Amino acid sequence: MNNRRSSIEVIADMLRLGQAGTTEIMYSANMSYFQLQKYLKLLLQLELIEKVYIGNPMVSYRVTKKGLRLLRSIDNILETLELRKEI
């Protein structure tokens, strides 16, 4: 079985953090800096996360209500797929 995560799983890992800085996201979601930049751009464009300015130049990213709805949907799908794998 392939151990690589799908883009959906990476996005879910990022959204699960709630609010975090770039370094915390990168390490917690186990991704490279290049991947982090790609996903942050996408999640910001889709309004799944928002930038929070906590100082100069410190920036944090916080999941939005739309992001939480997506995360619940992803978790439901992953849970359903896990149950199907056991059969």
N, C-alpha and C. Protein backbone atom coordinates (compact mmCIF):
# COMPACT_ATOMS: atom_id res chain seq x y z
N MET A 1 0.85 -1.18 0.00
CA MET A 1 0.00 0.00 0.00
C MET A 1 0.89 1.24 0.00
N ASN A 2 0.51 2.25 -0.73
CA ASN A 2 1.25 3.50 -0.83
C ASN A 2 1.04 4.34 0.43
N ASN A 3 2.13 4.78 1.07
CA ASN A 3 2.03 5.55 2.31
C ASN A 3 1.96 7.06 2.07
N ARG A 4 2.00 7.49 0.83
CA ARG A 4 1.92 8.91 0.54
C ARG A 4 0.52 9.42 0.82
N ARG A 5 0.47 10.63 1.39
CA ARG A 5 -0.83 11.24 1.68
C ARG A 5 -1.37 11.93 0.44
N SER A 6 -2.67 11.94 0.33
CA SER A 6 -3.31 12.67 -0.75
C SER A 6 -3.33 14.16 -0.39
N SER A 7 -3.61 14.98 -1.38
CA SER A 7 -3.74 16.43 -1.12
C SER A 7 -4.85 16.70 -0.12
N ILE A 8 -5.91 15.92 -0.18
CA ILE A 8 -7.03 16.09 0.76
C ILE A 8 -6.55 15.84 2.19
N GLU A 9 -5.74 14.81 2.38
CA GLU A 9 -5.24 14.51 3.72
C GLU A 9 -4.29 15.59 4.23
N VAL A 10 -3.48 16.15 3.34
CA VAL A 10 -2.57 17.23 3.72
C VAL A 10 -3.38 18.45 4.14
N ILE A 11 -4.40 18.79 3.35
CA ILE A 11 -5.26 19.93 3.67
C ILE A 11 -5.94 19.71 5.01
N ALA A 12 -6.45 18.51 5.25
CA ALA A 12 -7.10 18.21 6.53
C ALA A 12 -6.12 18.36 7.69
N ASP A 13 -4.88 17.89 7.50
CA ASP A 13 -3.87 18.03 8.55
C ASP A 13 -3.61 19.50 8.87
N MET A 14 -3.58 20.33 7.85
CA MET A 14 -3.35 21.75 8.05
C MET A 14 -4.54 22.41 8.76
N LEU A 15 -5.75 22.05 8.36
CA LEU A 15 -6.94 22.65 8.96
C LEU A 15 -7.12 22.22 10.41
N ARG A 16 -6.69 21.01 10.74
CA ARG A 16 -6.82 20.51 12.11
C ARG A 16 -6.02 21.33 13.13
N LEU A 17 -5.03 22.05 12.67
CA LEU A 17 -4.20 22.84 13.58
C LEU A 17 -4.94 24.02 14.18
N GLY A 18 -6.01 24.46 13.55
CA GLY A 18 -6.78 25.59 14.07
C GLY A 18 -6.12 26.91 13.78
N GLN A 19 -5.09 27.24 14.54
CA GLN A 19 -4.30 28.44 14.29
C GLN A 19 -2.85 28.13 14.56
N ALA A 20 -1.98 28.48 13.62
CA ALA A 20 -0.56 28.19 13.77
C ALA A 20 0.25 29.06 12.83
N GLY A 21 1.52 29.18 13.14
CA GLY A 21 2.47 29.88 12.28
C GLY A 21 3.01 28.94 11.22
N THR A 22 3.77 29.49 10.30
CA THR A 22 4.25 28.68 9.17
C THR A 22 5.14 27.52 9.62
N THR A 23 6.03 27.75 10.57
CA THR A 23 6.93 26.68 11.01
C THR A 23 6.14 25.55 11.66
N GLU A 24 5.19 25.89 12.51
CA GLU A 24 4.38 24.87 13.17
C GLU A 24 3.57 24.07 12.15
N ILE A 25 3.01 24.75 11.16
CA ILE A 25 2.23 24.06 10.12
C ILE A 25 3.14 23.11 9.36
N MET A 26 4.30 23.61 8.96
CA MET A 26 5.23 22.82 8.16
C MET A 26 5.64 21.53 8.89
N TYR A 27 5.99 21.65 10.17
CA TYR A 27 6.41 20.47 10.93
C TYR A 27 5.24 19.57 11.30
N SER A 28 4.13 20.15 11.72
CA SER A 28 2.98 19.34 12.14
C SER A 28 2.36 18.59 10.97
N ALA A 29 2.31 19.23 9.81
CA ALA A 29 1.73 18.59 8.63
C ALA A 29 2.78 17.82 7.83
N ASN A 30 4.04 17.83 8.32
CA ASN A 30 5.12 17.06 7.71
C ASN A 30 5.27 17.36 6.21
N MET A 31 5.60 18.62 5.91
CA MET A 31 5.74 19.02 4.51
C MET A 31 6.96 19.92 4.33
N SER A 32 7.39 20.06 3.10
CA SER A 32 8.51 20.94 2.78
C SER A 32 8.02 22.39 2.72
N TYR A 33 8.97 23.31 2.71
CA TYR A 33 8.62 24.72 2.62
C TYR A 33 7.90 25.01 1.31
N PHE A 34 8.35 24.40 0.22
CA PHE A 34 7.71 24.58 -1.09
C PHE A 34 6.26 24.11 -1.04
N GLN A 35 6.03 22.92 -0.47
CA GLN A 35 4.66 22.41 -0.35
C GLN A 35 3.81 23.33 0.52
N LEU A 36 4.38 23.80 1.61
CA LEU A 36 3.67 24.70 2.52
C LEU A 36 3.18 25.94 1.78
N GLN A 37 4.06 26.56 1.01
CA GLN A 37 3.68 27.77 0.28
C GLN A 37 2.56 27.49 -0.71
N LYS A 38 2.63 26.36 -1.39
CA LYS A 38 1.60 25.97 -2.36
C LYS A 38 0.24 25.80 -1.68
N TYR A 39 0.22 25.09 -0.56
CA TYR A 39 -1.03 24.82 0.13
C TYR A 39 -1.58 26.07 0.83
N LEU A 40 -0.70 26.89 1.42
CA LEU A 40 -1.18 28.12 2.05
C LEU A 40 -1.86 29.02 1.02
N LYS A 41 -1.25 29.14 -0.15
CA LYS A 41 -1.83 29.97 -1.21
C LYS A 41 -3.21 29.45 -1.59
N LEU A 42 -3.33 28.14 -1.77
CA LEU A 42 -4.61 27.54 -2.14
C LEU A 42 -5.66 27.75 -1.06
N LEU A 43 -5.31 27.47 0.20
CA LEU A 43 -6.27 27.58 1.29
C LEU A 43 -6.70 29.03 1.51
N LEU A 44 -5.78 29.97 1.30
CA LEU A 44 -6.15 31.39 1.40
C LEU A 44 -7.09 31.80 0.28
N GLN A 45 -6.80 31.35 -0.95
CA GLN A 45 -7.65 31.68 -2.09
C GLN A 45 -9.07 31.14 -1.92
N LEU A 46 -9.17 29.94 -1.35
CA LEU A 46 -10.48 29.31 -1.14
C LEU A 46 -11.17 29.77 0.13
N GLU A 47 -10.50 30.67 0.86
CA GLU A 47 -11.01 31.22 2.13
C GLU A 47 -11.27 30.14 3.17
N LEU A 48 -10.39 29.13 3.18
CA LEU A 48 -10.46 28.06 4.18
C LEU A 48 -9.63 28.42 5.40
N ILE A 49 -8.66 29.32 5.20
CA ILE A 49 -7.86 29.87 6.29
C ILE A 49 -7.76 31.37 6.07
N GLU A 50 -7.36 32.08 7.13
CA GLU A 50 -7.13 33.51 7.02
C GLU A 50 -5.84 33.86 7.73
N LYS A 51 -5.21 34.94 7.27
CA LYS A 51 -3.99 35.42 7.91
C LYS A 51 -4.36 36.21 9.15
N VAL A 52 -3.60 36.00 10.21
CA VAL A 52 -3.77 36.75 11.45
C VAL A 52 -2.42 37.39 11.76
N TYR A 53 -2.41 38.71 11.83
CA TYR A 53 -1.16 39.43 12.11
C TYR A 53 -1.03 39.58 13.62
N ILE A 54 -0.02 38.92 14.19
CA ILE A 54 0.15 38.92 15.64
C ILE A 54 1.34 39.75 16.08
N GLY A 55 1.93 40.46 15.16
CA GLY A 55 3.07 41.31 15.45
C GLY A 55 3.80 41.60 14.16
N ASN A 56 4.78 42.44 14.24
CA ASN A 56 5.51 42.76 13.03
C ASN A 56 6.85 42.03 13.07
N PRO A 57 7.13 41.14 12.18
CA PRO A 57 6.41 40.69 10.99
C PRO A 57 5.69 39.36 11.19
N MET A 58 5.35 39.00 12.41
CA MET A 58 4.79 37.68 12.69
C MET A 58 3.37 37.53 12.13
N VAL A 59 3.17 36.41 11.43
CA VAL A 59 1.87 36.08 10.85
C VAL A 59 1.50 34.68 11.28
N SER A 60 0.24 34.49 11.57
CA SER A 60 -0.30 33.19 11.90
C SER A 60 -1.44 32.92 10.94
N TYR A 61 -1.83 31.68 10.81
CA TYR A 61 -2.94 31.31 9.93
C TYR A 61 -4.00 30.63 10.77
N ARG A 62 -5.26 31.03 10.56
CA ARG A 62 -6.37 30.50 11.35
C ARG A 62 -7.42 29.93 10.42
N VAL A 63 -7.94 28.77 10.78
CA VAL A 63 -8.99 28.13 9.99
C VAL A 63 -10.28 28.95 10.11
N THR A 64 -11.00 29.07 9.01
CA THR A 64 -12.26 29.81 8.98
C THR A 64 -13.43 28.85 9.20
N LYS A 65 -14.63 29.39 9.32
CA LYS A 65 -15.82 28.53 9.46
C LYS A 65 -15.97 27.65 8.23
N LYS A 66 -15.70 28.21 7.07
CA LYS A 66 -15.75 27.43 5.82
C LYS A 66 -14.73 26.28 5.87
N GLY A 67 -13.56 26.56 6.41
CA GLY A 67 -12.52 25.54 6.56
C GLY A 67 -12.94 24.45 7.52
N LEU A 68 -13.60 24.83 8.61
CA LEU A 68 -14.08 23.83 9.58
C LEU A 68 -15.15 22.93 8.96
N ARG A 69 -16.02 23.52 8.14
CA ARG A 69 -17.04 22.70 7.46
C ARG A 69 -16.37 21.69 6.52
N LEU A 70 -15.37 22.16 5.78
CA LEU A 70 -14.64 21.25 4.88
C LEU A 70 -13.95 20.15 5.67
N LEU A 71 -13.33 20.51 6.79
CA LEU A 71 -12.64 19.51 7.61
C LEU A 71 -13.60 18.44 8.11
N ARG A 72 -14.77 18.84 8.55
CA ARG A 72 -15.77 17.84 8.99
C ARG A 72 -16.15 16.92 7.84
N SER A 73 -16.32 17.48 6.66
CA SER A 73 -16.67 16.66 5.49
C SER A 73 -15.54 15.69 5.15
N ILE A 74 -14.31 16.18 5.17
CA ILE A 74 -13.16 15.31 4.88
C ILE A 74 -13.07 14.19 5.91
N ASP A 75 -13.23 14.53 7.19
CA ASP A 75 -13.16 13.51 8.24
C ASP A 75 -14.25 12.46 8.06
N ASN A 76 -15.45 12.88 7.67
CA ASN A 76 -16.54 11.92 7.43
C ASN A 76 -16.20 11.00 6.28
N ILE A 77 -15.65 11.55 5.22
CA ILE A 77 -15.28 10.73 4.06
C ILE A 77 -14.17 9.75 4.43
N LEU A 78 -13.14 10.24 5.11
CA LEU A 78 -12.03 9.36 5.50
C LEU A 78 -12.50 8.26 6.44
N GLU A 79 -13.40 8.61 7.35
CA GLU A 79 -13.95 7.60 8.26
C GLU A 79 -14.72 6.53 7.48
N THR A 80 -15.50 6.96 6.53
CA THR A 80 -16.27 6.02 5.71
C THR A 80 -15.33 5.11 4.91
N LEU A 81 -14.30 5.68 4.34
CA LEU A 81 -13.34 4.88 3.56
C LEU A 81 -12.57 3.90 4.44
N GLU A 82 -12.25 4.29 5.66
CA GLU A 82 -11.59 3.39 6.59
C GLU A 82 -12.46 2.18 6.89
N LEU A 83 -13.74 2.42 7.09
CA LEU A 83 -14.67 1.32 7.35
C LEU A 83 -14.75 0.37 6.14
N ARG A 84 -14.71 0.93 4.96
CA ARG A 84 -14.78 0.10 3.76
C ARG A 84 -13.52 -0.74 3.59
N LYS A 85 -12.36 -0.23 4.04
CA LYS A 85 -11.11 -0.99 3.91
C LYS A 85 -11.14 -2.26 4.75
N GLU A 86 -11.85 -2.21 5.89
CA GLU A 86 -11.88 -3.35 6.81
C GLU A 86 -12.73 -4.51 6.28
N ILE A 87 -13.62 -4.22 5.38
CA ILE A 87 -14.53 -5.26 4.88
C ILE A 87 -13.83 -6.17 3.87
